Amino acid sequence: MNLTAVLHAGFGVSVLAGILVSDTTLRIAAFALGVVLFVAGIVVSRRGD
């Protein structure tokens, strides 16, 4: 598994955790982490070109 796949998988897990968590602060933090991981995955894949 390459780094891009790992970062995008982390995005999926983070968003799923955000959906399952009931506390608003933790939900926002999980979604924010998901966004960061998704963007990092895009950046890593673009740098590999």
PDB file of N, CA and C in Angstrom:
ATOM      1  N   MET A   1       0.845  -1.181   0.000  1.00  0.00           N
ATOM      2  CA  MET A   1       0.000   0.000   0.000  1.00  0.00           C
ATOM      3  C   MET A   1       0.886   1.239   0.000  1.00  0.00           C
ATOM      4  N   ASN A   2       0.606   2.153  -0.892  1.00  0.00           N
ATOM      5  CA  ASN A   2       1.425   3.361  -0.938  1.00  0.00           C
ATOM      6  C   ASN A   2       0.882   4.415   0.031  1.00  0.00           C
ATOM      7  N   LEU A   3       1.637   5.468   0.207  1.00  0.00           N
ATOM      8  CA  LEU A   3       1.293   6.504   1.181  1.00  0.00           C
ATOM      9  C   LEU A   3      -0.023   7.190   0.837  1.00  0.00           C
ATOM     10  N   THR A   4      -0.286   7.398  -0.435  1.00  0.00           N
ATOM     11  CA  THR A   4      -1.545   8.035  -0.839  1.00  0.00           C
ATOM     12  C   THR A   4      -2.738   7.194  -0.405  1.00  0.00           C
ATOM     13  N   ALA A   5      -2.647   5.895  -0.600  1.00  0.00           N
ATOM     14  CA  ALA A   5      -3.737   5.004  -0.197  1.00  0.00           C
ATOM     15  C   ALA A   5      -3.926   5.005   1.313  1.00  0.00           C
ATOM     16  N   VAL A   6      -2.841   5.041   2.047  1.00  0.00           N
ATOM     17  CA  VAL A   6      -2.926   5.069   3.511  1.00  0.00           C
ATOM     18  C   VAL A   6      -3.589   6.360   3.983  1.00  0.00           C
ATOM     19  N   LEU A   7      -3.206   7.488   3.393  1.00  0.00           N
ATOM     20  CA  LEU A   7      -3.800   8.765   3.786  1.00  0.00           C
ATOM     21  C   LEU A   7      -5.287   8.816   3.445  1.00  0.00           C
ATOM     22  N   HIS A   8      -5.665   8.307   2.288  1.00  0.00           N
ATOM     23  CA  HIS A   8      -7.078   8.312   1.925  1.00  0.00           C
ATOM     24  C   HIS A   8      -7.881   7.314   2.763  1.00  0.00           C
ATOM     25  N   ALA A   9      -7.269   6.206   3.151  1.00  0.00           N
ATOM     26  CA  ALA A   9      -7.942   5.276   4.062  1.00  0.00           C
ATOM     27  C   ALA A   9      -8.139   5.929   5.427  1.00  0.00           C
ATOM     28  N   GLY A  10      -7.134   6.677   5.876  1.00  0.00           N
ATOM     29  CA  GLY A  10      -7.272   7.427   7.127  1.00  0.00           C
ATOM     30  C   GLY A  10      -8.391   8.439   7.054  1.00  0.00           C
ATOM     31  N   PHE A  11      -8.556   9.054   5.890  1.00  0.00           N
ATOM     32  CA  PHE A  11      -9.676   9.970   5.665  1.00  0.00           C
ATOM     33  C   PHE A  11     -11.005   9.245   5.872  1.00  0.00           C
ATOM     34  N   GLY A  12     -11.135   8.081   5.285  1.00  0.00           N
ATOM     35  CA  GLY A  12     -12.378   7.315   5.414  1.00  0.00           C
ATOM     36  C   GLY A  12     -12.674   6.925   6.848  1.00  0.00           C
ATOM     37  N   VAL A  13     -11.660   6.480   7.551  1.00  0.00           N
ATOM     38  CA  VAL A  13     -11.832   6.095   8.956  1.00  0.00           C
ATOM     39  C   VAL A  13     -12.193   7.305   9.804  1.00  0.00           C
ATOM     40  N   SER A  14     -11.550   8.421   9.548  1.00  0.00           N
ATOM     41  CA  SER A  14     -11.814   9.635  10.317  1.00  0.00           C
ATOM     42  C   SER A  14     -13.239  10.138  10.098  1.00  0.00           C
ATOM     43  N   VAL A  15     -13.697  10.127   8.862  1.00  0.00           N
ATOM     44  CA  VAL A  15     -15.064  10.571   8.579  1.00  0.00           C
ATOM     45  C   VAL A  15     -16.071   9.605   9.200  1.00  0.00           C
ATOM     46  N   LEU A  16     -15.802   8.316   9.127  1.00  0.00           N
ATOM     47  CA  LEU A  16     -16.686   7.338   9.756  1.00  0.00           C
ATOM     48  C   LEU A  16     -16.745   7.553  11.262  1.00  0.00           C
ATOM     49  N   ALA A  17     -15.592   7.809  11.874  1.00  0.00           N
ATOM     50  CA  ALA A  17     -15.570   8.094  13.310  1.00  0.00           C
ATOM     51  C   ALA A  17     -16.355   9.361  13.619  1.00  0.00           C
ATOM     52  N   GLY A  18     -16.243  10.355  12.764  1.00  0.00           N
ATOM     53  CA  GLY A  18     -16.998  11.590  12.960  1.00  0.00           C
ATOM     54  C   GLY A  18     -18.493  11.372  12.898  1.00  0.00           C
ATOM     55  N   ILE A  19     -18.920  10.454  12.056  1.00  0.00           N
ATOM     56  CA  ILE A  19     -20.348  10.142  11.959  1.00  0.00           C
ATOM     57  C   ILE A  19     -20.820   9.399  13.205  1.00  0.00           C
ATOM     58  N   LEU A  20     -19.989   8.506  13.725  1.00  0.00           N
ATOM     59  CA  LEU A  20     -20.393   7.668  14.850  1.00  0.00           C
ATOM     60  C   LEU A  20     -20.298   8.362  16.203  1.00  0.00           C
ATOM     61  N   VAL A  21     -19.471   9.388  16.317  1.00  0.00           N
ATOM     62  CA  VAL A  21     -19.273  10.070  17.602  1.00  0.00           C
ATOM     63  C   VAL A  21     -20.432  11.025  17.844  1.00  0.00           C
ATOM     64  N   SER A  22     -20.897  11.070  19.091  1.00  0.00           N
ATOM     65  CA  SER A  22     -22.048  11.924  19.392  1.00  0.00           C
ATOM     66  C   SER A  22     -21.643  13.317  19.879  1.00  0.00           C
ATOM     67  N   ASP A  23     -20.443  13.444  20.439  1.00  0.00           N
ATOM     68  CA  ASP A  23     -19.999  14.742  20.949  1.00  0.00           C
ATOM     69  C   ASP A  23     -19.651  15.668  19.783  1.00  0.00           C
ATOM     70  N   THR A  24     -20.170  16.877  19.823  1.00  0.00           N
ATOM     71  CA  THR A  24     -19.996  17.817  18.713  1.00  0.00           C
ATOM     72  C   THR A  24     -18.533  18.185  18.494  1.00  0.00           C
ATOM     73  N   THR A  25     -17.801  18.430  19.569  1.00  0.00           N
ATOM     74  CA  THR A  25     -16.394  18.817  19.443  1.00  0.00           C
ATOM     75  C   THR A  25     -15.571  17.701  18.803  1.00  0.00           C
ATOM     76  N   LEU A  26     -15.782  16.480  19.247  1.00  0.00           N
ATOM     77  CA  LEU A  26     -15.047  15.349  18.666  1.00  0.00           C
ATOM     78  C   LEU A  26     -15.454  15.116  17.215  1.00  0.00           C
ATOM     79  N   ARG A  27     -16.715  15.342  16.908  1.00  0.00           N
ATOM     80  CA  ARG A  27     -17.191  15.178  15.530  1.00  0.00           C
ATOM     81  C   ARG A  27     -16.499  16.171  14.603  1.00  0.00           C
ATOM     82  N   ILE A  28     -16.423  17.428  15.027  1.00  0.00           N
ATOM     83  CA  ILE A  28     -15.761  18.454  14.215  1.00  0.00           C
ATOM     84  C   ILE A  28     -14.277  18.138  14.066  1.00  0.00           C
ATOM     85  N   ALA A  29     -13.642  17.687  15.153  1.00  0.00           N
ATOM     86  CA  ALA A  29     -12.220  17.338  15.100  1.00  0.00           C
ATOM     87  C   ALA A  29     -11.975  16.166  14.146  1.00  0.00           C
ATOM     88  N   ALA A  30     -12.852  15.171  14.169  1.00  0.00           N
ATOM     89  CA  ALA A  30     -12.693  14.014  13.283  1.00  0.00           C
ATOM     90  C   ALA A  30     -12.869  14.421  11.822  1.00  0.00           C
ATOM     91  N   PHE A  31     -13.862  15.271  11.545  1.00  0.00           N
ATOM     92  CA  PHE A  31     -14.052  15.742  10.176  1.00  0.00           C
ATOM     93  C   PHE A  31     -12.872  16.600   9.719  1.00  0.00           C
ATOM     94  N   ALA A  32     -12.353  17.439  10.609  1.00  0.00           N
ATOM     95  CA  ALA A  32     -11.200  18.278  10.262  1.00  0.00           C
ATOM     96  C   ALA A  32      -9.976  17.412   9.973  1.00  0.00           C
ATOM     97  N   LEU A  33      -9.761  16.395  10.797  1.00  0.00           N
ATOM     98  CA  LEU A  33      -8.650  15.476  10.556  1.00  0.00           C
ATOM     99  C   LEU A  33      -8.831  14.763   9.217  1.00  0.00           C
ATOM    100  N   GLY A  34     -10.057  14.384   8.908  1.00  0.00           N
ATOM    101  CA  GLY A  34     -10.338  13.750   7.626  1.00  0.00           C
ATOM    102  C   GLY A  34      -9.992  14.644   6.456  1.00  0.00           C
ATOM    103  N   VAL A  35     -10.337  15.913   6.554  1.00  0.00           N
ATOM    104  CA  VAL A  35     -10.023  16.866   5.483  1.00  0.00           C
ATOM    105  C   VAL A  35      -8.514  17.002   5.320  1.00  0.00           C
ATOM    106  N   VAL A  36      -7.803  17.101   6.432  1.00  0.00           N
ATOM    107  CA  VAL A  36      -6.341  17.224   6.378  1.00  0.00           C
ATOM    108  C   VAL A  36      -5.727  15.986   5.729  1.00  0.00           C
ATOM    109  N   LEU A  37      -6.191  14.803   6.108  1.00  0.00           N
ATOM    110  CA  LEU A  37      -5.652  13.574   5.525  1.00  0.00           C
ATOM    111  C   LEU A  37      -5.971  13.468   4.033  1.00  0.00           C
ATOM    112  N   PHE A  38      -7.166  13.889   3.644  1.00  0.00           N
ATOM    113  CA  PHE A  38      -7.547  13.841   2.235  1.00  0.00           C
ATOM    114  C   PHE A  38      -6.670  14.764   1.404  1.00  0.00           C
ATOM    115  N   VAL A  39      -6.481  15.982   1.871  1.00  0.00           N
ATOM    116  CA  VAL A  39      -5.644  16.945   1.148  1.00  0.00           C
ATOM    117  C   VAL A  39      -4.195  16.467   1.116  1.00  0.00           C
ATOM    118  N   ALA A  40      -3.721  15.904   2.225  1.00  0.00           N
ATOM    119  CA  ALA A  40      -2.352  15.381   2.254  1.00  0.00           C
ATOM    120  C   ALA A  40      -2.191  14.248   1.244  1.00  0.00           C
ATOM    121  N   GLY A  41      -3.203  13.411   1.106  1.00  0.00           N
ATOM    122  CA  GLY A  41      -3.148  12.341   0.110  1.00  0.00           C
ATOM    123  C   GLY A  41      -3.053  12.879  -1.302  1.00  0.00           C
ATOM    124  N   ILE A  42      -3.788  13.940  -1.580  1.00  0.00           N
ATOM    125  CA  ILE A  42      -3.724  14.565  -2.907  1.00  0.00           C
ATOM    126  C   ILE A  42      -2.347  15.173  -3.144  1.00  0.00           C
ATOM    127  N   VAL A  43      -1.821  15.866  -2.137  1.00  0.00           N
ATOM    128  CA  VAL A  43      -0.500  16.500  -2.272  1.00  0.00           C
ATOM    129  C   VAL A  43       0.573  15.448  -2.510  1.00  0.00           C
ATOM    130  N   VAL A  44       0.526  14.355  -1.760  1.00  0.00           N
ATOM    131  CA  VAL A  44       1.530  13.299  -1.920  1.00  0.00           C
ATOM    132  C   VAL A  44       1.434  12.677  -3.308  1.00  0.00           C
ATOM    133  N   SER A  45       0.225  12.456  -3.786  1.00  0.00           N
ATOM    134  CA  SER A  45       0.089  11.848  -5.113  1.00  0.00           C
ATOM    135  C   SER A  45       0.560  12.794  -6.214  1.00  0.00           C
ATOM    136  N   ARG A  46       0.354  14.088  -6.047  1.00  0.00           N
ATOM    137  CA  ARG A  46       0.807  15.065  -7.049  1.00  0.00           C
ATOM    138  C   ARG A  46       2.326  15.202  -7.039  1.00  0.00           C
ATOM    139  N   ARG A  47       2.939  15.092  -5.876  1.00  0.00           N
ATOM    140  CA  ARG A  47       4.401  15.205  -5.796  1.00  0.00           C
ATOM    141  C   ARG A  47       5.074  14.005  -6.442  1.00  0.00           C
ATOM    142  N   GLY A  48       4.375  12.881  -6.506  1.00  0.00           N
ATOM    143  CA  GLY A  48       4.940  11.684  -7.111  1.00  0.00           C
ATOM    144  C   GLY A  48       4.983  11.739  -8.629  1.00  0.00           C
ATOM    145  N   ASP A  49       4.262  12.675  -9.248  1.00  0.00           N
ATOM    146  CA  ASP A  49       4.222  12.775 -10.715  1.00  0.00           C
ATOM    147  C   ASP A  49       5.511  13.293 -11.295  1.00  0.00           C
TER     148      ASP A  49
END
